[in-house]
Amino acid sequence: MLSINIRDVTSLAKKILVPISVLIEVCYTCNEKCIHCCVDEHKNTGLTLKQYEKLFDQMVSAGTFFVILTGGDPFTRKDFMDIVHAARQRRISVTIFTNGTLVMQKDILEIAALYVQDVHVSIYSTNEKTHDSITRVPGSFRKSIATIRSMRAAGIKVRIKCPLMSLNADEVDELKKLATSLEAKIQFTTIITAKNNGDVSTHALQMSERQLLAAVNDSMIIGSADPSVHSRDELECIPCDAILNGGAIDPSGNVYPCNQWRVSGGNVLKEDFGKIWKESEVLNALRGIRLKDMKECRVCDLFDYCTRCPGLALLEDGDLYDCSLAAKKVAEARKINGVLPTQRHIFSKI
């Protein structure tokens, strides 16, 4: 019997330029005011429902299997569940990113009935005051937790998303226990990024060196490979395979390799999504970048430990081909702890 897993599918998608998984920012509006948020302005309300229906049709034709619907917070849109319906009617697997505070019981019942893949809810602390100080919305912790409980009761898979920063990095064990008590998975991230406009003031929130070293040494936060999944001898590998089988679309319809690699290849209000993905001169130029073009990465003694994001290198350090200081900081901590990356999409073979 032929056995095919998701890695086989994504590998094939890389070879034939299928945008198998696409993140869609359906709005930038949000009811929270998180101190670390990468969105610089929360004004864009996104495309219309009909425009998303047309986009989903184009995605199906392009071979898209999965979409992540996010914001801002997508539930600030009164028609958000209609957007979810439109995707599911076309048999596209849907994941939702939300803070959970605006989700009503009727929404939860619809999400369950539509067999949404999972819902990711942002939780920043086990301490109500700390969480609410990060969202800058009193009562947000209680609402988010209540939503997670209601979703789990309805049989919906929930993943808690928690970016680690100086304010909450010492709560990792408590956050794990909270996730267990809620019967939810939990996912931590170790980098607080700049805002989409390049404003790096958010970097002041990043973990201390002590906190980062502890985080890197925790296998639930950062997995470890053995041996390394990267090789500096593979000079023809690409910086990140999102440019081959990923994709992101902002609330204005601009198409990017991913939501952090903010180089637009076109706009879905002007051209077919599949055509943009395969034929855009901008995106195809990005696909031409190889490890051999990245002089510093090739000789860096941190290479085996690095998960450099080309988008962040461009956004935060101003050079698509040069070092990402954020990645370097994490790589240094990885090297100290002997923790090799598991992220095969970085420095990826075609």
Protein backbone atom coordinates (compact mmCIF):
# COMPACT_ATOMS: atom_id res chain seq x y z
CA MET A 1 0.00 0.00 0.00
CA LEU A 2 1.30 3.45 -0.94
CA SER A 3 1.90 5.58 2.14
CA ILE A 4 2.08 9.36 1.74
CA ASN A 5 2.64 11.77 4.64
CA ILE A 6 2.49 15.55 4.84
CA ARG A 7 6.26 15.85 4.39
CA ASP A 8 5.97 14.06 1.03
CA VAL A 9 3.22 16.46 -0.01
CA THR A 10 5.13 19.59 1.02
CA SER A 11 8.28 18.30 -0.67
CA LEU A 12 6.40 17.82 -3.94
CA ALA A 13 4.77 21.23 -3.53
CA LYS A 14 8.25 22.81 -3.30
CA LYS A 15 9.28 21.27 -6.60
CA ILE A 16 6.24 22.42 -8.57
CA LEU A 17 5.60 25.75 -6.78
CA VAL A 18 2.29 24.87 -5.14
CA PRO A 19 1.31 27.31 -2.34
CA ILE A 20 0.13 24.47 -0.16
CA SER A 21 -0.32 26.56 3.01
CA VAL A 22 -1.24 30.24 2.95
CA LEU A 23 -1.67 32.69 5.83
CA ILE A 24 -4.36 35.31 5.29
CA GLU A 25 -4.56 38.45 7.39
CA VAL A 26 -8.28 39.18 7.04
CA CYS A 27 -7.92 42.49 8.90
CA TYR A 28 -5.53 44.52 11.01
CA THR A 29 -8.25 45.71 13.37
CA CYS A 30 -8.01 44.37 16.92
CA ASN A 31 -9.72 44.94 20.26
CA GLU A 32 -6.46 44.44 22.17
CA LYS A 33 -3.43 46.73 22.21
CA CYS A 34 -0.62 44.26 22.84
CA ILE A 35 2.68 45.90 23.71
CA HIS A 36 4.67 43.53 21.47
CA CYS A 37 2.38 43.52 18.42
CA CYS A 38 4.08 43.65 15.01
CA VAL A 39 1.14 45.46 13.38
CA ASP A 40 1.92 49.18 13.31
CA GLU A 41 -1.62 50.38 12.48
CA HIS A 42 -4.87 48.62 13.37
CA LYS A 43 -7.05 50.27 10.73
CA ASN A 44 -7.24 48.02 7.67
CA THR A 45 -10.52 46.06 7.74
CA GLY A 46 -9.58 43.66 4.93
CA LEU A 47 -11.20 42.54 1.70
CA THR A 48 -14.91 41.92 1.27
CA LEU A 49 -16.51 38.50 1.71
CA LYS A 50 -17.05 38.20 -2.05
CA GLN A 51 -13.40 39.01 -2.68
CA TYR A 52 -12.37 36.27 -0.25
CA GLU A 53 -14.74 33.82 -1.93
CA LYS A 54 -13.08 34.60 -5.25
CA LEU A 55 -9.64 34.28 -3.65
CA PHE A 56 -10.49 30.86 -2.19
CA ASP A 57 -11.56 29.68 -5.65
CA GLN A 58 -8.19 30.81 -7.00
CA MET A 59 -6.40 29.06 -4.15
CA VAL A 60 -8.14 25.79 -4.87
CA SER A 61 -7.05 26.07 -8.51
CA ALA A 62 -3.47 26.83 -7.34
CA GLY A 63 -3.42 23.72 -5.13
CA THR A 64 -3.74 25.28 -1.67
CA PHE A 65 -4.70 22.77 1.04
CA PHE A 66 -4.43 24.86 4.20
CA VAL A 67 -5.21 28.43 5.19
CA ILE A 68 -4.48 30.24 8.43
CA LEU A 69 -6.97 33.06 9.07
CA THR A 70 -5.60 35.76 11.34
CA GLY A 71 -5.54 39.51 11.94
CA GLY A 72 -5.35 41.81 13.94
CA ASP A 73 -8.04 39.72 15.47
CA PRO A 74 -10.31 38.19 12.82
CA PHE A 75 -13.35 38.24 15.10
CA THR A 76 -13.41 42.04 14.93
CA ARG A 77 -15.06 41.36 11.55
CA LYS A 78 -18.78 40.69 11.88
CA ASP A 79 -18.62 38.49 8.78
CA PHE A 80 -15.60 36.46 9.88
CA MET A 81 -17.50 33.20 10.29
CA ASP A 82 -18.85 33.71 6.76
CA ILE A 83 -15.23 33.78 5.57
CA VAL A 84 -14.57 30.54 7.45
CA HIS A 85 -17.67 29.01 5.85
CA ALA A 86 -16.46 30.08 2.40
CA ALA A 87 -13.09 28.36 2.89
CA ARG A 88 -14.59 25.16 4.27
CA GLN A 89 -17.19 25.00 1.48
CA ARG A 90 -14.22 24.69 -0.86
CA ARG A 91 -12.70 21.90 1.28
CA ILE A 92 -9.80 24.08 2.43
CA SER A 93 -8.47 23.17 5.87
CA VAL A 94 -8.75 26.17 8.21
CA THR A 95 -6.74 27.22 11.26
CA ILE A 96 -7.75 30.36 13.15
CA PHE A 97 -5.48 32.69 15.14
CA THR A 98 -7.34 34.83 17.69
CA ASN A 99 -7.09 36.33 21.17
CA GLY A 100 -10.39 34.65 21.98
CA THR A 101 -12.06 37.58 23.69
CA LEU A 102 -14.66 38.26 20.99
CA VAL A 103 -15.63 34.66 20.25
CA MET A 104 -19.29 33.98 21.02
CA GLN A 105 -20.87 30.61 21.85
CA LYS A 106 -22.59 30.56 18.47
CA ASP A 107 -19.19 31.01 16.82
CA ILE A 108 -17.82 28.08 18.81
CA LEU A 109 -20.69 25.84 17.69
CA GLU A 110 -20.07 26.86 14.06
CA ILE A 111 -16.32 26.27 14.33
CA ALA A 112 -16.98 22.77 15.65
CA ALA A 113 -19.61 22.03 12.99
CA LEU A 114 -17.25 23.18 10.23
CA TYR A 115 -14.46 20.90 11.47
CA VAL A 116 -11.95 23.74 11.67
CA GLN A 117 -8.50 22.17 12.04
CA ASP A 118 -7.64 24.05 15.22
CA VAL A 119 -7.82 27.44 16.90
CA HIS A 120 -4.73 29.19 18.27
CA VAL A 121 -5.45 31.50 21.21
CA SER A 122 -2.91 34.01 22.53
CA ILE A 123 -2.18 33.69 26.26
CA TYR A 124 0.75 35.63 27.70
CA SER A 125 0.80 34.69 31.37
CA THR A 126 -0.83 32.59 34.06
CA ASN A 127 -1.16 35.78 36.05
CA GLU A 128 -4.21 37.81 35.12
CA LYS A 129 -2.56 41.14 35.86
CA THR A 130 0.53 40.32 33.79
CA HIS A 131 -1.52 39.07 30.84
CA ASP A 132 -3.80 42.10 30.90
CA SER A 133 -0.81 44.45 31.18
CA ILE A 134 0.51 42.95 27.92
CA THR A 135 -2.82 43.19 26.08
CA ARG A 136 -3.60 46.52 27.76
CA VAL A 137 -7.23 45.38 28.07
CA PRO A 138 -8.58 44.67 31.58
CA GLY A 139 -10.46 41.39 31.78
CA SER A 140 -8.89 39.97 28.61
CA PHE A 141 -7.27 37.03 30.46
CA ARG A 142 -10.57 35.80 31.88
CA LYS A 143 -12.32 36.09 28.52
CA SER A 144 -9.56 34.26 26.64
CA ILE A 145 -9.44 31.43 29.19
CA ALA A 146 -13.24 31.11 29.17
CA THR A 147 -13.19 30.81 25.37
CA ILE A 148 -10.57 28.06 25.50
CA ARG A 149 -12.69 26.12 28.00
CA SER A 150 -15.79 26.49 25.83
CA MET A 151 -13.94 25.43 22.70
CA ARG A 152 -12.50 22.35 24.36
CA ALA A 153 -15.96 21.45 25.66
CA ALA A 154 -17.17 21.61 22.05
CA GLY A 155 -14.39 19.28 20.93
CA ILE A 156 -12.32 21.93 19.15
CA LYS A 157 -8.55 21.50 19.15
CA VAL A 158 -6.91 24.50 20.81
CA ARG A 159 -3.29 25.59 20.83
CA ILE A 160 -2.14 28.32 23.21
CA LYS A 161 0.30 30.69 21.51
CA CYS A 162 2.77 32.39 23.84
CA PRO A 163 5.62 34.62 22.63
CA LEU A 164 8.23 34.70 25.37
CA MET A 165 9.46 38.07 26.58
CA SER A 166 11.11 39.43 29.71
CA LEU A 167 7.70 39.82 31.37
CA ASN A 168 6.64 36.17 31.13
CA ALA A 169 9.68 34.00 30.36
CA ASP A 170 10.02 32.92 33.99
CA GLU A 171 6.49 31.48 33.89
CA VAL A 172 7.13 28.71 31.35
CA ASP A 173 6.44 25.84 33.75
CA GLU A 174 3.24 27.48 35.00
CA LEU A 175 2.11 28.12 31.42
CA LYS A 176 2.64 24.46 30.56
CA LYS A 177 0.55 23.45 33.56
CA LEU A 178 -2.17 25.89 32.53
CA ALA A 179 -2.28 24.38 29.03
CA THR A 180 -2.52 20.88 30.51
CA SER A 181 -5.37 21.92 32.80
CA LEU A 182 -7.22 23.35 29.79
CA GLU A 183 -6.52 20.23 27.70
CA ALA A 184 -4.81 22.45 25.13
CA LYS A 185 -1.45 22.29 23.39
CA ILE A 186 0.99 25.15 23.87
CA GLN A 187 3.50 26.75 21.52
CA PHE A 188 6.20 29.20 22.61
CA THR A 189 8.21 31.54 20.40
CA THR A 190 11.55 33.05 21.41
CA ILE A 191 11.79 36.19 19.26
CA ILE A 192 9.85 39.43 19.66
CA THR A 193 9.99 40.95 16.18
CA ALA A 194 10.00 44.52 14.97
CA LYS A 195 6.78 46.07 13.76
CA ASN A 196 5.91 45.69 10.08
CA ASN A 197 7.09 49.25 9.43
CA GLY A 198 10.56 48.45 10.80
CA ASP A 199 10.05 50.03 14.24
CA VAL A 200 12.30 48.02 16.59
CA SER A 201 11.03 49.52 19.85
CA THR A 202 9.44 46.13 20.60
CA HIS A 203 12.94 44.67 20.99
CA ALA A 204 13.06 46.20 24.47
CA LEU A 205 10.66 43.43 25.49
CA GLN A 206 12.94 40.57 24.46
CA MET A 207 14.11 37.99 26.98
CA SER A 208 17.27 38.53 28.99
CA GLU A 209 20.30 36.38 28.19
CA ARG A 210 19.53 34.21 31.21
CA GLN A 211 15.94 33.71 30.12
CA LEU A 212 16.90 32.91 26.54
CA LEU A 213 19.45 30.31 27.62
CA ALA A 214 16.81 28.64 29.78
CA ALA A 215 14.26 28.72 26.96
CA VAL A 216 16.65 27.20 24.44
CA ASN A 217 17.42 24.38 26.88
CA ASP A 218 13.71 23.46 27.13
CA SER A 219 12.76 20.84 24.53
CA MET A 220 9.10 21.92 24.64
CA ILE A 221 10.13 25.40 23.51
CA ILE A 222 12.88 24.53 21.04
CA GLY A 223 13.30 21.01 19.69
CA SER A 224 16.71 19.57 18.91
CA ALA A 225 17.86 17.58 15.88
CA ASP A 226 20.67 15.03 15.75
CA PRO A 227 22.54 15.34 13.48
CA SER A 228 22.12 18.86 12.08
CA VAL A 229 19.44 19.29 9.41
CA HIS A 230 21.56 22.04 7.80
CA SER A 231 24.79 21.83 5.82
CA ARG A 232 26.95 24.77 4.77
CA ASP A 233 28.21 22.57 1.89
CA GLU A 234 24.78 22.73 0.25
CA LEU A 235 25.53 25.99 -1.56
CA GLU A 236 22.43 25.67 -3.76
CA CYS A 237 19.98 25.49 -0.85
CA ILE A 238 17.47 28.32 -0.39
CA PRO A 239 17.12 30.59 2.69
CA CYS A 240 13.54 29.47 3.45
CA ASP A 241 11.18 27.21 1.54
CA ALA A 242 8.14 29.42 2.27
CA ILE A 243 9.03 31.09 -1.04
CA LEU A 244 8.24 27.79 -2.78
CA ASN A 245 5.22 26.33 -0.97
CA GLY A 246 4.02 29.00 1.45
CA GLY A 247 2.48 32.39 0.94
CA ALA A 248 0.78 35.17 2.89
CA ILE A 249 -1.81 37.78 1.95
CA ASP A 250 -2.34 41.02 3.84
CA PRO A 251 -5.68 42.83 4.35
CA SER A 252 -5.09 44.87 1.17
CA GLY A 253 -4.59 41.76 -0.97
CA ASN A 254 -0.80 41.94 -1.32
CA VAL A 255 0.92 38.57 -1.74
CA TYR A 256 4.13 37.86 0.19
CA PRO A 257 6.34 34.76 0.62
CA CYS A 258 5.20 34.80 4.27
CA ASN A 259 3.83 37.33 6.73
CA GLN A 260 7.35 38.20 7.95
CA TRP A 261 8.95 38.36 4.50
CA ARG A 262 7.22 41.56 3.43
CA VAL A 263 8.20 41.72 -0.24
CA SER A 264 5.07 41.82 -2.37
CA GLY A 265 4.84 39.85 -5.59
CA GLY A 266 1.49 41.28 -6.61
CA ASN A 267 -2.07 41.93 -5.47
CA VAL A 268 -5.03 39.53 -5.69
CA LEU A 269 -7.39 42.42 -6.48
CA LYS A 270 -5.49 42.91 -9.73
CA GLU A 271 -4.29 39.42 -10.67
CA ASP A 272 -5.10 35.77 -10.08
CA PHE A 273 -3.42 34.43 -6.94
CA GLY A 274 -2.00 31.36 -8.68
CA LYS A 275 -0.54 33.47 -11.46
CA ILE A 276 1.10 35.82 -8.96
CA TRP A 277 2.57 32.90 -7.03
CA LYS A 278 4.12 31.19 -10.04
CA GLU A 279 4.84 34.05 -12.44
CA SER A 280 5.68 37.12 -10.34
CA GLU A 281 9.10 38.47 -11.32
CA VAL A 282 9.63 39.64 -7.74
CA LEU A 283 8.86 36.26 -6.17
CA ASN A 284 10.86 34.38 -8.78
CA ALA A 285 13.85 36.65 -8.11
CA LEU A 286 13.59 35.76 -4.41
CA ARG A 287 13.48 32.08 -5.38
CA GLY A 288 16.82 32.56 -7.08
CA ILE A 289 18.65 33.41 -3.84
CA ARG A 290 20.99 30.64 -2.68
CA LEU A 291 23.24 30.03 0.30
CA LYS A 292 26.23 30.75 -1.95
CA ASP A 293 24.94 34.35 -2.28
CA MET A 294 24.95 34.82 1.50
CA LYS A 295 28.63 35.28 2.18
CA GLU A 296 28.45 35.73 5.97
CA CYS A 297 26.18 32.72 6.54
CA ARG A 298 28.53 30.46 4.60
CA VAL A 299 31.45 31.09 6.96
CA CYS A 300 29.61 31.73 10.23
CA ASP A 301 30.52 29.37 13.08
CA LEU A 302 26.88 29.50 14.19
CA PHE A 303 25.54 28.12 10.90
CA ASP A 304 24.60 24.68 12.26
CA TYR A 305 22.57 26.33 15.03
CA CYS A 306 20.90 29.11 13.06
CA THR A 307 17.26 29.50 12.02
CA ARG A 308 17.71 32.75 10.15
CA CYS A 309 14.52 34.27 8.73
CA PRO A 310 15.23 36.21 5.51
CA GLY A 311 12.19 38.38 6.15
CA LEU A 312 13.43 39.48 9.57
CA ALA A 313 16.94 40.01 8.21
CA LEU A 314 15.46 42.44 5.68
CA LEU A 315 12.99 44.09 8.06
CA GLU A 316 15.20 44.49 11.12
CA ASP A 317 18.73 44.58 9.70
CA GLY A 318 18.08 46.02 6.25
CA ASP A 319 19.73 43.32 4.14
CA LEU A 320 18.17 40.20 2.65
CA TYR A 321 21.60 38.62 2.20
CA ASP A 322 23.24 39.55 5.51
CA CYS A 323 23.11 38.37 9.09
CA SER A 324 19.90 38.45 11.11
CA LEU A 325 20.92 39.72 14.52
CA ALA A 326 17.80 38.22 16.11
CA ALA A 327 18.62 34.79 14.69
CA LYS A 328 22.27 35.17 15.71
CA LYS A 329 21.29 35.83 19.32
CA VAL A 330 19.20 32.64 19.45
CA ALA A 331 21.89 30.66 17.59
CA GLU A 332 24.48 31.69 20.17
CA ALA A 333 22.23 30.35 22.93
CA ARG A 334 21.63 27.16 20.95
CA LYS A 335 25.37 26.63 20.55
CA ILE A 336 26.04 27.10 24.26
CA ASN A 337 23.40 24.46 25.03
CA GLY A 338 24.27 22.22 22.08
CA VAL A 339 20.74 22.44 20.67
CA LEU A 340 20.56 21.93 16.89
CA PRO A 341 17.54 23.20 14.93
CA THR A 342 14.71 20.99 13.70
CA GLN A 343 13.34 23.56 11.24
CA ARG A 344 13.93 21.91 7.86
CA HIS A 345 12.38 24.80 5.93
CA ILE A 346 15.41 27.00 6.80
CA PHE A 347 18.44 26.60 4.48
CA SER A 348 16.30 24.12 2.60
CA LYS A 349 17.19 21.86 -0.29
CA ILE A 350 14.96 22.25 -3.34
